[in-house]
PDB file of N, CA and C in Angstrom:
ATOM      1  N   MET A   1      -4.878 -28.639  12.827  1.00  0.00           N
ATOM      2  CA  MET A   1      -5.238 -27.743  11.744  1.00  0.00           C
ATOM      3  C   MET A   1      -3.954 -27.321  11.026  1.00  0.00           C
ATOM      4  N   PRO A   2      -3.954 -27.356   9.696  1.00  0.00           N
ATOM      5  CA  PRO A   2      -2.732 -27.005   8.956  1.00  0.00           C
ATOM      6  C   PRO A   2      -2.411 -25.509   9.026  1.00  0.00           C
ATOM      7  N   ARG A   3      -1.139 -25.220   8.915  1.00  0.00           N
ATOM      8  CA  ARG A   3      -0.655 -23.838   8.900  1.00  0.00           C
ATOM      9  C   ARG A   3      -0.343 -23.448   7.455  1.00  0.00           C
ATOM     10  N   PHE A   4      -0.733 -22.233   7.088  1.00  0.00           N
ATOM     11  CA  PHE A   4      -0.482 -21.701   5.753  1.00  0.00           C
ATOM     12  C   PHE A   4       0.322 -20.416   5.886  1.00  0.00           C
ATOM     13  N   LEU A   5       1.245 -20.207   4.939  1.00  0.00           N
ATOM     14  CA  LEU A   5       2.047 -18.991   4.889  1.00  0.00           C
ATOM     15  C   LEU A   5       1.526 -18.114   3.758  1.00  0.00           C
ATOM     16  N   PHE A   6       1.582 -16.802   3.966  1.00  0.00           N
ATOM     17  CA  PHE A   6       1.061 -15.847   2.988  1.00  0.00           C
ATOM     18  C   PHE A   6       2.180 -14.887   2.609  1.00  0.00           C
ATOM     19  N   HIS A   7       2.804 -15.147   1.458  1.00  0.00           N
ATOM     20  CA  HIS A   7       3.924 -14.335   0.985  1.00  0.00           C
ATOM     21  C   HIS A   7       3.387 -13.242   0.051  1.00  0.00           C
ATOM     22  N   LEU A   8       3.700 -11.994   0.381  1.00  0.00           N
ATOM     23  CA  LEU A   8       3.211 -10.861  -0.397  1.00  0.00           C
ATOM     24  C   LEU A   8       4.262 -10.430  -1.411  1.00  0.00           C
ATOM     25  N   HIS A   9       3.851 -10.336  -2.670  1.00  0.00           N
ATOM     26  CA  HIS A   9       4.703  -9.851  -3.759  1.00  0.00           C
ATOM     27  C   HIS A   9       4.049  -8.569  -4.260  1.00  0.00           C
ATOM     28  N   GLU A  10       4.603  -7.436  -3.816  1.00  0.00           N
ATOM     29  CA  GLU A  10       3.959  -6.146  -4.056  1.00  0.00           C
ATOM     30  C   GLU A  10       4.934  -5.162  -4.694  1.00  0.00           C
ATOM     31  N   CYS A  11       4.692  -4.865  -5.963  1.00  0.00           N
ATOM     32  CA  CYS A  11       5.463  -3.845  -6.696  1.00  0.00           C
ATOM     33  C   CYS A  11       6.974  -4.042  -6.560  1.00  0.00           C
ATOM     34  N   GLY A  12       7.421  -5.270  -6.758  1.00  0.00           N
ATOM     35  CA  GLY A  12       8.843  -5.568  -6.731  1.00  0.00           C
ATOM     36  C   GLY A  12       9.411  -5.866  -5.358  1.00  0.00           C
ATOM     37  N   VAL A  13       8.596  -5.745  -4.313  1.00  0.00           N
ATOM     38  CA  VAL A  13       9.048  -6.047  -2.951  1.00  0.00           C
ATOM     39  C   VAL A  13       8.385  -7.342  -2.495  1.00  0.00           C
ATOM     40  N   ASN A  14       9.192  -8.304  -2.081  1.00  0.00           N
ATOM     41  CA  ASN A  14       8.670  -9.590  -1.620  1.00  0.00           C
ATOM     42  C   ASN A  14       8.771  -9.660  -0.105  1.00  0.00           C
ATOM     43  N   THR A  15       7.615  -9.862   0.539  1.00  0.00           N
ATOM     44  CA  THR A  15       7.564  -9.986   1.995  1.00  0.00           C
ATOM     45  C   THR A  15       7.223 -11.426   2.330  1.00  0.00           C
ATOM     46  N   HIS A  16       8.190 -12.123   2.916  1.00  0.00           N
ATOM     47  CA  HIS A  16       8.042 -13.542   3.242  1.00  0.00           C
ATOM     48  C   HIS A  16       7.357 -13.689   4.601  1.00  0.00           C
ATOM     49  N   ASP A  17       6.338 -14.504   4.657  1.00  0.00           N
ATOM     50  CA  ASP A  17       5.606 -14.779   5.893  1.00  0.00           C
ATOM     51  C   ASP A  17       6.265 -15.964   6.593  1.00  0.00           C
ATOM     52  N   ASP A  18       6.803 -15.713   7.775  1.00  0.00           N
ATOM     53  CA  ASP A  18       7.468 -16.780   8.526  1.00  0.00           C
ATOM     54  C   ASP A  18       6.564 -17.432   9.571  1.00  0.00           C
ATOM     55  N   SER A  19       5.466 -16.754   9.936  1.00  0.00           N
ATOM     56  CA  SER A  19       4.624 -17.297  11.002  1.00  0.00           C
ATOM     57  C   SER A  19       3.359 -17.973  10.477  1.00  0.00           C
ATOM     58  N   GLY A  20       2.701 -17.373   9.511  1.00  0.00           N
ATOM     59  CA  GLY A  20       1.517 -17.978   8.912  1.00  0.00           C
ATOM     60  C   GLY A  20       0.309 -17.981   9.822  1.00  0.00           C
ATOM     61  N   ARG A  21      -0.722 -18.705   9.376  1.00  0.00           N
ATOM     62  CA  ARG A  21      -1.975 -18.825  10.123  1.00  0.00           C
ATOM     63  C   ARG A  21      -2.486 -20.246  10.000  1.00  0.00           C
ATOM     64  N   GLU A  22      -3.093 -20.714  11.060  1.00  0.00           N
ATOM     65  CA  GLU A  22      -3.728 -22.027  11.025  1.00  0.00           C
ATOM     66  C   GLU A  22      -5.145 -21.870  10.498  1.00  0.00           C
ATOM     67  N   LEU A  23      -5.449 -22.625   9.453  1.00  0.00           N
ATOM     68  CA  LEU A  23      -6.771 -22.585   8.826  1.00  0.00           C
ATOM     69  C   LEU A  23      -7.181 -24.010   8.474  1.00  0.00           C
ATOM     70  N   PRO A  24      -8.479 -24.251   8.332  1.00  0.00           N
ATOM     71  CA  PRO A  24      -8.958 -25.617   8.103  1.00  0.00           C
ATOM     72  C   PRO A  24      -8.446 -26.280   6.824  1.00  0.00           C
ATOM     73  N   ASP A  25      -8.325 -25.470   5.735  1.00  0.00           N
ATOM     74  CA  ASP A  25      -7.963 -26.066   4.447  1.00  0.00           C
ATOM     75  C   ASP A  25      -7.491 -24.988   3.484  1.00  0.00           C
ATOM     76  N   LEU A  26      -7.072 -25.431   2.290  1.00  0.00           N
ATOM     77  CA  LEU A  26      -6.568 -24.501   1.281  1.00  0.00           C
ATOM     78  C   LEU A  26      -7.637 -23.509   0.842  1.00  0.00           C
ATOM     79  N   THR A  27      -8.870 -23.934   0.728  1.00  0.00           N
ATOM     80  CA  THR A  27      -9.949 -23.022   0.337  1.00  0.00           C
ATOM     81  C   THR A  27     -10.056 -21.871   1.335  1.00  0.00           C
ATOM     82  N   SER A  28      -9.988 -22.180   2.607  1.00  0.00           N
ATOM     83  CA  SER A  28     -10.038 -21.145   3.648  1.00  0.00           C
ATOM     84  C   SER A  28      -8.822 -20.226   3.560  1.00  0.00           C
ATOM     85  N   ALA A  29      -7.664 -20.787   3.254  1.00  0.00           N
ATOM     86  CA  ALA A  29      -6.445 -19.994   3.131  1.00  0.00           C
ATOM     87  C   ALA A  29      -6.535 -19.040   1.942  1.00  0.00           C
ATOM     88  N   ILE A  30      -7.077 -19.501   0.834  1.00  0.00           N
ATOM     89  CA  ILE A  30      -7.230 -18.635  -0.338  1.00  0.00           C
ATOM     90  C   ILE A  30      -8.229 -17.525  -0.046  1.00  0.00           C
ATOM     91  N   GLU A  31      -9.296 -17.819   0.679  1.00  0.00           N
ATOM     92  CA  GLU A  31     -10.258 -16.783   1.064  1.00  0.00           C
ATOM     93  C   GLU A  31      -9.614 -15.754   1.990  1.00  0.00           C
ATOM     94  N   ALA A  32      -8.740 -16.210   2.886  1.00  0.00           N
ATOM     95  CA  ALA A  32      -8.019 -15.286   3.760  1.00  0.00           C
ATOM     96  C   ALA A  32      -7.080 -14.397   2.944  1.00  0.00           C
ATOM     97  N   ALA A  33      -6.405 -14.977   1.959  1.00  0.00           N
ATOM     98  CA  ALA A  33      -5.526 -14.200   1.079  1.00  0.00           C
ATOM     99  C   ALA A  33      -6.330 -13.194   0.270  1.00  0.00           C
ATOM    100  N   ARG A  34      -7.515 -13.591  -0.161  1.00  0.00           N
ATOM    101  CA  ARG A  34      -8.394 -12.686  -0.909  1.00  0.00           C
ATOM    102  C   ARG A  34      -8.775 -11.481  -0.052  1.00  0.00           C
ATOM    103  N   ALA A  35      -9.143 -11.733   1.192  1.00  0.00           N
ATOM    104  CA  ALA A  35      -9.491 -10.642   2.108  1.00  0.00           C
ATOM    105  C   ALA A  35      -8.287  -9.726   2.349  1.00  0.00           C
ATOM    106  N   ASP A  36      -7.102 -10.325   2.493  1.00  0.00           N
ATOM    107  CA  ASP A  36      -5.883  -9.529   2.679  1.00  0.00           C
ATOM    108  C   ASP A  36      -5.610  -8.660   1.453  1.00  0.00           C
ATOM    109  N   ALA A  37      -5.762  -9.248   0.270  1.00  0.00           N
ATOM    110  CA  ALA A  37      -5.522  -8.503  -0.968  1.00  0.00           C
ATOM    111  C   ALA A  37      -6.491  -7.323  -1.092  1.00  0.00           C
ATOM    112  N   LEU A  38      -7.753  -7.547  -0.785  1.00  0.00           N
ATOM    113  CA  LEU A  38      -8.739  -6.466  -0.851  1.00  0.00           C
ATOM    114  C   LEU A  38      -8.397  -5.352   0.132  1.00  0.00           C
ATOM    115  N   SER A  39      -7.939  -5.710   1.305  1.00  0.00           N
ATOM    116  CA  SER A  39      -7.546  -4.710   2.299  1.00  0.00           C
ATOM    117  C   SER A  39      -6.355  -3.884   1.812  1.00  0.00           C
ATOM    118  N   ILE A  40      -5.362  -4.559   1.257  1.00  0.00           N
ATOM    119  CA  ILE A  40      -4.187  -3.863   0.722  1.00  0.00           C
ATOM    120  C   ILE A  40      -4.601  -2.928  -0.410  1.00  0.00           C
ATOM    121  N   MET A  41      -5.448  -3.427  -1.316  1.00  0.00           N
ATOM    122  CA  MET A  41      -5.883  -2.597  -2.440  1.00  0.00           C
ATOM    123  C   MET A  41      -6.698  -1.401  -1.963  1.00  0.00           C
ATOM    124  N   ALA A  42      -7.521  -1.575  -0.933  1.00  0.00           N
ATOM    125  CA  ALA A  42      -8.312  -0.463  -0.400  1.00  0.00           C
ATOM    126  C   ALA A  42      -7.394   0.643   0.124  1.00  0.00           C
ATOM    127  N   HIS A  43      -6.315   0.246   0.797  1.00  0.00           N
ATOM    128  CA  HIS A  43      -5.356   1.242   1.281  1.00  0.00           C
ATOM    129  C   HIS A  43      -4.645   1.928   0.117  1.00  0.00           C
ATOM    130  N   GLU A  44      -4.328   1.171  -0.920  1.00  0.00           N
ATOM    131  CA  GLU A  44      -3.689   1.770  -2.090  1.00  0.00           C
ATOM    132  C   GLU A  44      -4.608   2.789  -2.741  1.00  0.00           C
ATOM    133  N   VAL A  45      -5.864   2.441  -2.922  1.00  0.00           N
ATOM    134  CA  VAL A  45      -6.827   3.364  -3.536  1.00  0.00           C
ATOM    135  C   VAL A  45      -6.961   4.630  -2.689  1.00  0.00           C
ATOM    136  N   TYR A  46      -7.000   4.457  -1.382  1.00  0.00           N
ATOM    137  CA  TYR A  46      -7.086   5.616  -0.489  1.00  0.00           C
ATOM    138  C   TYR A  46      -5.886   6.549  -0.694  1.00  0.00           C
ATOM    139  N   ASP A  47      -4.717   5.951  -0.971  1.00  0.00           N
ATOM    140  CA  ASP A  47      -3.509   6.742  -1.213  1.00  0.00           C
ATOM    141  C   ASP A  47      -3.410   7.249  -2.649  1.00  0.00           C
ATOM    142  N   GLY A  48      -4.400   6.893  -3.495  1.00  0.00           N
ATOM    143  CA  GLY A  48      -4.461   7.442  -4.848  1.00  0.00           C
ATOM    144  C   GLY A  48      -3.811   6.609  -5.929  1.00  0.00           C
ATOM    145  N   HIS A  49      -3.525   5.341  -5.660  1.00  0.00           N
ATOM    146  CA  HIS A  49      -2.968   4.479  -6.702  1.00  0.00           C
ATOM    147  C   HIS A  49      -3.453   3.048  -6.479  1.00  0.00           C
ATOM    148  N   LEU A  50      -3.282   2.224  -7.495  1.00  0.00           N
ATOM    149  CA  LEU A  50      -3.665   0.817  -7.389  1.00  0.00           C
ATOM    150  C   LEU A  50      -2.799  -0.002  -8.333  1.00  0.00           C
ATOM    151  N   CYS A  51      -2.132  -1.011  -7.794  1.00  0.00           N
ATOM    152  CA  CYS A  51      -1.301  -1.906  -8.594  1.00  0.00           C
ATOM    153  C   CYS A  51      -1.990  -3.265  -8.680  1.00  0.00           C
ATOM    154  N   LEU A  52      -2.362  -3.665  -9.869  1.00  0.00           N
ATOM    155  CA  LEU A  52      -3.033  -4.949 -10.051  1.00  0.00           C
ATOM    156  C   LEU A  52      -2.073  -6.072 -10.442  1.00  0.00           C
ATOM    157  N   SER A  53      -0.782  -5.779 -10.516  1.00  0.00           N
ATOM    158  CA  SER A  53       0.178  -6.828 -10.871  1.00  0.00           C
ATOM    159  C   SER A  53       0.771  -7.510  -9.630  1.00  0.00           C
ATOM    160  N   CYS A  54       0.372  -7.079  -8.452  1.00  0.00           N
ATOM    161  CA  CYS A  54       0.843  -7.695  -7.210  1.00  0.00           C
ATOM    162  C   CYS A  54       0.103  -9.009  -6.980  1.00  0.00           C
ATOM    163  N   HIS A  55       0.642  -9.843  -6.074  1.00  0.00           N
ATOM    164  CA  HIS A  55      -0.051 -11.081  -5.741  1.00  0.00           C
ATOM    165  C   HIS A  55       0.364 -11.592  -4.369  1.00  0.00           C
ATOM    166  N   ILE A  56      -0.460 -12.460  -3.826  1.00  0.00           N
ATOM    167  CA  ILE A  56      -0.154 -13.159  -2.583  1.00  0.00           C
ATOM    168  C   ILE A  56       0.020 -14.632  -2.931  1.00  0.00           C
ATOM    169  N   GLU A  57       1.104 -15.185  -2.449  1.00  0.00           N
ATOM    170  CA  GLU A  57       1.382 -16.600  -2.678  1.00  0.00           C
ATOM    171  C   GLU A  57       1.075 -17.358  -1.386  1.00  0.00           C
ATOM    172  N   VAL A  58       0.130 -18.275  -1.460  1.00  0.00           N
ATOM    173  CA  VAL A  58      -0.249 -19.091  -0.308  1.00  0.00           C
ATOM    174  C   VAL A  58       0.578 -20.375  -0.356  1.00  0.00           C
ATOM    175  N   GLU A  59       1.320 -20.622   0.719  1.00  0.00           N
ATOM    176  CA  GLU A  59       2.180 -21.814   0.787  1.00  0.00           C
ATOM    177  C   GLU A  59       1.675 -22.766   1.869  1.00  0.00           C
ATOM    178  N   GLU A  60       1.626 -24.041   1.508  1.00  0.00           N
ATOM    179  CA  GLU A  60       1.334 -25.100   2.468  1.00  0.00           C
ATOM    180  C   GLU A  60       2.672 -25.710   2.871  1.00  0.00           C
ATOM    181  N   PRO A  61       3.228 -25.331   4.027  1.00  0.00           N
ATOM    182  CA  PRO A  61       4.553 -25.826   4.402  1.00  0.00           C
ATOM    183  C   PRO A  61       4.648 -27.348   4.478  1.00  0.00           C
ATOM    184  N   ALA A  62       3.573 -28.005   4.839  1.00  0.00           N
ATOM    185  CA  ALA A  62       3.611 -29.473   4.967  1.00  0.00           C
ATOM    186  C   ALA A  62       3.879 -30.159   3.632  1.00  0.00           C
ATOM    187  N   THR A  63       3.385 -29.561   2.540  1.00  0.00           N
ATOM    188  CA  THR A  63       3.536 -30.172   1.222  1.00  0.00           C
ATOM    189  C   THR A  63       4.474 -29.389   0.310  1.00  0.00           C
ATOM    190  N   GLY A  64       4.723 -28.118   0.647  1.00  0.00           N
ATOM    191  CA  GLY A  64       5.525 -27.258  -0.215  1.00  0.00           C
ATOM    192  C   GLY A  64       4.740 -26.678  -1.370  1.00  0.00           C
ATOM    193  N   LYS A  65       3.452 -27.018  -1.479  1.00  0.00           N
ATOM    194  CA  LYS A  65       2.615 -26.513  -2.561  1.00  0.00           C
ATOM    195  C   LYS A  65       2.382 -25.017  -2.383  1.00  0.00           C
ATOM    196  N   ARG A  66       2.447 -24.283  -3.506  1.00  0.00           N
ATOM    197  CA  ARG A  66       2.216 -22.835  -3.503  1.00  0.00           C
ATOM    198  C   ARG A  66       1.120 -22.494  -4.498  1.00  0.00           C
ATOM    199  N   THR A  67       0.218 -21.629  -4.071  1.00  0.00           N
ATOM    200  CA  THR A  67      -0.880 -21.165  -4.911  1.00  0.00           C
ATOM    201  C   THR A  67      -0.824 -19.650  -4.967  1.00  0.00           C
ATOM    202  N   SER A  68      -0.783 -19.093  -6.173  1.00  0.00           N
ATOM    203  CA  SER A  68      -0.688 -17.652  -6.343  1.00  0.00           C
ATOM    204  C   SER A  68      -2.076 -17.044  -6.540  1.00  0.00           C
ATOM    205  N   LEU A  69      -2.326 -15.938  -5.840  1.00  0.00           N
ATOM    206  CA  LEU A  69      -3.580 -15.213  -5.974  1.00  0.00           C
ATOM    207  C   LEU A  69      -3.268 -13.797  -6.463  1.00  0.00           C
ATOM    208  N   PRO A  70      -3.361 -13.548  -7.780  1.00  0.00           N
ATOM    209  CA  PRO A  70      -3.101 -12.207  -8.317  1.00  0.00           C
ATOM    210  C   PRO A  70      -4.185 -11.218  -7.877  1.00  0.00           C
ATOM    211  N   PHE A  71      -3.764 -10.013  -7.545  1.00  0.00           N
ATOM    212  CA  PHE A  71      -4.719  -8.984  -7.136  1.00  0.00           C
ATOM    213  C   PHE A  71      -5.765  -8.746  -8.225  1.00  0.00           C
ATOM    214  N   ARG A  72      -5.350  -8.793  -9.488  1.00  0.00           N
ATOM    215  CA  ARG A  72      -6.284  -8.512 -10.586  1.00  0.00           C
ATOM    216  C   ARG A  72      -7.431  -9.528 -10.644  1.00  0.00           C
ATOM    217  N   ASP A  73      -7.231 -10.727 -10.056  1.00  0.00           N
ATOM    218  CA  ASP A  73      -8.275 -11.743 -10.046  1.00  0.00           C
ATOM    219  C   ASP A  73      -9.247 -11.585  -8.875  1.00  0.00           C
ATOM    220  N   VAL A  74      -8.910 -10.696  -7.950  1.00  0.00           N
ATOM    221  CA  VAL A  74      -9.719 -10.511  -6.744  1.00  0.00           C
ATOM    222  C   VAL A  74     -10.735  -9.396  -6.925  1.00  0.00           C
ATOM    223  N   LEU A  75     -10.480  -8.518  -7.869  1.00  0.00           N
ATOM    224  CA  LEU A  75     -11.270  -7.307  -8.018  1.00  0.00           C
ATOM    225  C   LEU A  75     -11.938  -7.255  -9.388  1.00  0.00           C
ATOM    226  N   LYS A  76     -13.221  -6.993  -9.407  1.00  0.00           N
ATOM    227  CA  LYS A  76     -13.935  -6.798 -10.670  1.00  0.00           C
ATOM    228  C   LYS A  76     -13.986  -5.311 -10.960  1.00  0.00           C
ATOM    229  N   VAL A  77     -13.394  -4.909 -12.077  1.00  0.00           N
ATOM    230  CA  VAL A  77     -13.350  -3.503 -12.468  1.00  0.00           C
ATOM    231  C   VAL A  77     -14.376  -3.282 -13.567  1.00  0.00           C
ATOM    232  N   THR A  78     -15.251  -2.309 -13.375  1.00  0.00           N
ATOM    233  CA  THR A  78     -16.281  -2.001 -14.369  1.00  0.00           C
ATOM    234  C   THR A  78     -16.238  -0.518 -14.709  1.00  0.00           C
ATOM    235  N   GLY A  79     -16.938  -0.147 -15.766  1.00  0.00           N
ATOM    236  CA  GLY A  79     -17.082   1.267 -16.129  1.00  0.00           C
ATOM    237  C   GLY A  79     -15.905   1.878 -16.821  1.00  0.00           C
ATOM    238  N   ILE A  80     -15.000   1.056 -17.336  1.00  0.00           N
ATOM    239  CA  ILE A  80     -13.831   1.604 -18.025  1.00  0.00           C
ATOM    240  C   ILE A  80     -14.197   1.932 -19.448  1.00  0.00           C
TER     241      ILE A  80
END
């Protein structure tokens, strides 16, 4: 099973993932990143703020391919 790295880019701070997670495929890795992003945003909202310019970069170490998942694409905002 391939290993994927999840690098967090949050409000100017970059947290590099050195261990990653084994997942079946890129689709599963993006879904895992989506769940992580929602969890991070939930904690931010609880603390009274929300940054939608952050993102998680999913890296496939075997190929070097990187896929960016912006927080703003994970959340549907209505009622504005």
